[in-house]
N, C-alpha and C. Protein backbone atom coordinates (compact mmCIF):
# COMPACT_ATOMS: atom_id res chain seq x y z
N MET A 1 16.50 127.57 301.66
CA MET A 1 16.25 126.36 300.91
C MET A 1 15.93 125.24 301.90
N PRO A 2 14.89 124.46 301.62
CA PRO A 2 14.50 123.38 302.55
C PRO A 2 15.56 122.27 302.62
N ARG A 3 15.58 121.63 303.76
CA ARG A 3 16.47 120.48 303.96
C ARG A 3 15.62 119.22 304.02
N TYR A 4 16.09 118.17 303.38
CA TYR A 4 15.36 116.91 303.33
C TYR A 4 16.24 115.80 303.88
N ASP A 5 15.62 114.88 304.63
CA ASP A 5 16.32 113.75 305.22
C ASP A 5 16.15 112.54 304.32
N PHE A 6 17.24 111.80 304.15
CA PHE A 6 17.25 110.58 303.35
C PHE A 6 17.92 109.48 304.15
N ARG A 7 17.61 108.23 303.80
CA ARG A 7 18.29 107.08 304.39
C ARG A 7 18.71 106.14 303.29
N CYS A 8 19.93 105.64 303.39
CA CYS A 8 20.45 104.67 302.44
C CYS A 8 19.95 103.29 302.85
N ARG A 9 19.35 102.58 301.92
CA ARG A 9 18.86 101.23 302.22
C ARG A 9 19.98 100.21 302.26
N GLU A 10 21.12 100.53 301.66
CA GLU A 10 22.23 99.58 301.62
C GLU A 10 23.08 99.62 302.89
N CYS A 11 23.43 100.83 303.36
CA CYS A 11 24.31 100.92 304.53
C CYS A 11 23.60 101.45 305.77
N GLY A 12 22.36 101.96 305.62
CA GLY A 12 21.60 102.44 306.76
C GLY A 12 21.94 103.86 307.19
N ASP A 13 22.86 104.52 306.49
CA ASP A 13 23.25 105.89 306.83
C ASP A 13 22.08 106.85 306.59
N THR A 14 21.90 107.81 307.48
CA THR A 14 20.89 108.86 307.33
C THR A 14 21.63 110.15 307.05
N PHE A 15 21.16 110.92 306.06
CA PHE A 15 21.83 112.15 305.68
C PHE A 15 20.80 113.19 305.25
N GLU A 16 21.24 114.46 305.22
CA GLU A 16 20.39 115.58 304.83
C GLU A 16 20.91 116.21 303.55
N LEU A 17 19.98 116.74 302.76
CA LEU A 17 20.34 117.51 301.57
C LEU A 17 19.51 118.78 301.53
N SER A 18 20.14 119.88 301.14
CA SER A 18 19.41 121.12 300.90
C SER A 18 19.16 121.18 299.40
N ARG A 19 17.90 121.34 299.04
CA ARG A 19 17.55 121.42 297.62
C ARG A 19 16.23 122.14 297.46
N PRO A 20 15.97 122.69 296.28
CA PRO A 20 14.70 123.37 296.05
C PRO A 20 13.53 122.40 296.20
N MET A 21 12.37 122.93 296.56
CA MET A 21 11.18 122.09 296.74
C MET A 21 10.83 121.35 295.46
N ALA A 22 11.10 121.94 294.31
CA ALA A 22 10.80 121.29 293.03
C ALA A 22 11.62 120.02 292.84
N GLU A 23 12.72 119.88 293.57
CA GLU A 23 13.58 118.70 293.46
C GLU A 23 13.46 117.78 294.66
N ALA A 24 12.46 117.98 295.50
CA ALA A 24 12.32 117.20 296.73
C ALA A 24 12.22 115.71 296.48
N GLY A 25 11.56 115.30 295.42
CA GLY A 25 11.38 113.87 295.14
C GLY A 25 12.44 113.24 294.27
N ASP A 26 13.42 114.04 293.84
CA ASP A 26 14.49 113.50 292.99
C ASP A 26 15.35 112.52 293.77
N PRO A 27 15.95 111.54 293.08
CA PRO A 27 16.84 110.59 293.76
C PRO A 27 18.02 111.31 294.41
N ALA A 28 18.48 110.77 295.52
CA ALA A 28 19.62 111.35 296.23
C ALA A 28 20.63 110.25 296.52
N PRO A 29 21.81 110.32 295.95
CA PRO A 29 22.81 109.27 296.22
C PRO A 29 23.34 109.39 297.66
N CYS A 30 23.61 108.26 298.24
CA CYS A 30 24.21 108.17 299.57
C CYS A 30 25.59 108.83 299.54
N PRO A 31 26.02 109.49 300.63
CA PRO A 31 27.36 110.09 300.66
C PRO A 31 28.48 109.07 300.43
N VAL A 32 28.20 107.80 300.72
CA VAL A 32 29.20 106.75 300.51
C VAL A 32 29.21 106.29 299.06
N GLY A 33 28.15 106.63 298.31
CA GLY A 33 28.10 106.27 296.89
C GLY A 33 27.00 105.29 296.51
N HIS A 34 26.25 104.80 297.47
CA HIS A 34 25.15 103.88 297.16
C HIS A 34 24.01 104.65 296.50
N GLY A 35 23.24 103.99 295.67
CA GLY A 35 22.16 104.66 294.96
C GLY A 35 20.77 104.35 295.48
N ASP A 36 20.64 103.34 296.36
CA ASP A 36 19.31 102.93 296.84
C ASP A 36 18.97 103.69 298.11
N THR A 37 18.38 104.89 297.94
CA THR A 37 18.02 105.70 299.09
C THR A 37 16.52 106.01 299.07
N VAL A 38 16.02 106.42 300.21
CA VAL A 38 14.61 106.77 300.35
C VAL A 38 14.52 108.06 301.16
N ARG A 39 13.61 108.94 300.75
CA ARG A 39 13.42 110.19 301.50
C ARG A 39 12.56 109.90 302.72
N LEU A 40 12.96 110.45 303.86
CA LEU A 40 12.23 110.26 305.11
C LEU A 40 11.23 111.39 305.30
N LEU A 41 10.16 111.10 306.01
CA LEU A 41 9.20 112.14 306.35
C LEU A 41 9.78 112.96 307.48
N SER A 42 9.76 114.26 307.32
CA SER A 42 10.29 115.15 308.34
C SER A 42 9.19 115.50 309.33
N THR A 43 9.59 115.73 310.56
CA THR A 43 8.63 116.17 311.57
C THR A 43 8.92 117.62 311.92
N VAL A 44 7.90 118.31 312.33
CA VAL A 44 8.03 119.70 312.72
C VAL A 44 7.76 119.79 314.21
N ALA A 45 8.67 120.41 314.93
CA ALA A 45 8.49 120.59 316.36
C ALA A 45 7.63 121.82 316.60
N VAL A 46 6.55 121.63 317.34
CA VAL A 46 5.68 122.74 317.68
C VAL A 46 5.59 122.79 319.20
N GLY A 47 5.84 123.92 319.75
CA GLY A 47 5.80 124.02 321.21
C GLY A 47 6.05 125.44 321.64
N GLY A 48 6.32 125.59 322.89
CA GLY A 48 6.56 126.92 323.42
C GLY A 48 5.30 127.49 324.01
N ARG A 49 5.31 128.79 324.22
CA ARG A 49 4.14 129.43 324.79
C ARG A 49 3.72 130.58 323.91
N ALA A 50 2.50 130.99 324.10
CA ALA A 50 1.95 132.09 323.31
C ALA A 50 2.71 133.37 323.64
N SER A 51 2.83 134.24 322.66
CA SER A 51 3.56 135.48 322.89
C SER A 51 2.68 136.54 323.56
N ALA A 52 1.37 136.35 323.53
CA ALA A 52 0.46 137.30 324.17
C ALA A 52 -0.41 136.53 325.16
N PRO A 53 -0.74 137.12 326.28
CA PRO A 53 -1.59 136.43 327.25
C PRO A 53 -3.00 136.22 326.69
N ALA A 54 -3.63 135.13 327.11
CA ALA A 54 -4.99 134.83 326.67
C ALA A 54 -5.95 135.88 327.23
N PRO A 55 -6.95 136.27 326.45
CA PRO A 55 -7.91 137.25 326.95
C PRO A 55 -8.66 136.70 328.16
N SER A 56 -8.98 137.57 329.09
CA SER A 56 -9.68 137.13 330.30
C SER A 56 -11.04 137.82 330.38
N GLY A 57 -12.09 137.07 330.13
CA GLY A 57 -13.46 137.57 330.26
C GLY A 57 -13.71 138.89 329.55
N GLY A 58 -14.93 139.34 329.56
CA GLY A 58 -15.28 140.61 328.95
C GLY A 58 -15.16 140.55 327.43
N GLY A 59 -15.67 141.56 326.79
CA GLY A 59 -15.60 141.62 325.35
C GLY A 59 -16.51 140.59 324.70
N GLY A 60 -16.73 140.70 323.44
CA GLY A 60 -17.59 139.76 322.74
C GLY A 60 -19.01 139.88 323.20
N CYS A 61 -19.92 139.27 322.51
CA CYS A 61 -21.35 139.40 322.81
C CYS A 61 -21.71 138.80 324.18
N CYS A 62 -21.44 137.52 324.35
CA CYS A 62 -21.88 136.86 325.57
C CYS A 62 -20.97 137.17 326.76
N GLY A 63 -19.73 137.59 326.50
CA GLY A 63 -18.83 137.92 327.59
C GLY A 63 -18.99 139.37 328.03
N GLY A 64 -19.63 140.18 327.20
CA GLY A 64 -19.76 141.59 327.52
C GLY A 64 -21.12 141.99 328.09
N GLY A 65 -21.99 141.03 328.22
CA GLY A 65 -23.28 141.32 328.87
C GLY A 65 -24.40 141.70 327.91
N CYS A 66 -24.23 141.63 326.60
CA CYS A 66 -25.31 142.03 325.69
C CYS A 66 -26.33 140.91 325.49
N CYS A 67 -26.08 139.71 326.02
CA CYS A 67 -27.01 138.59 325.83
C CYS A 67 -27.99 138.44 326.98
N SER A 68 -28.04 139.36 327.89
CA SER A 68 -28.89 139.24 329.07
C SER A 68 -30.34 139.46 328.72
């Protein structure tokens, strides 16, 4: 189940909720009890390295010599 980040506009607390995607836009009460909250945009971390080495020359039309 996806997790969504929210921030309370009254106390400034940031909190997470797990809920179905169909309920992503539903209101979320602050853990302290405030009702004025806003959903935050989540970021996705992308990084690391490729699991397979990049091909080195050869193969393909122009890399294999068929374009001469």
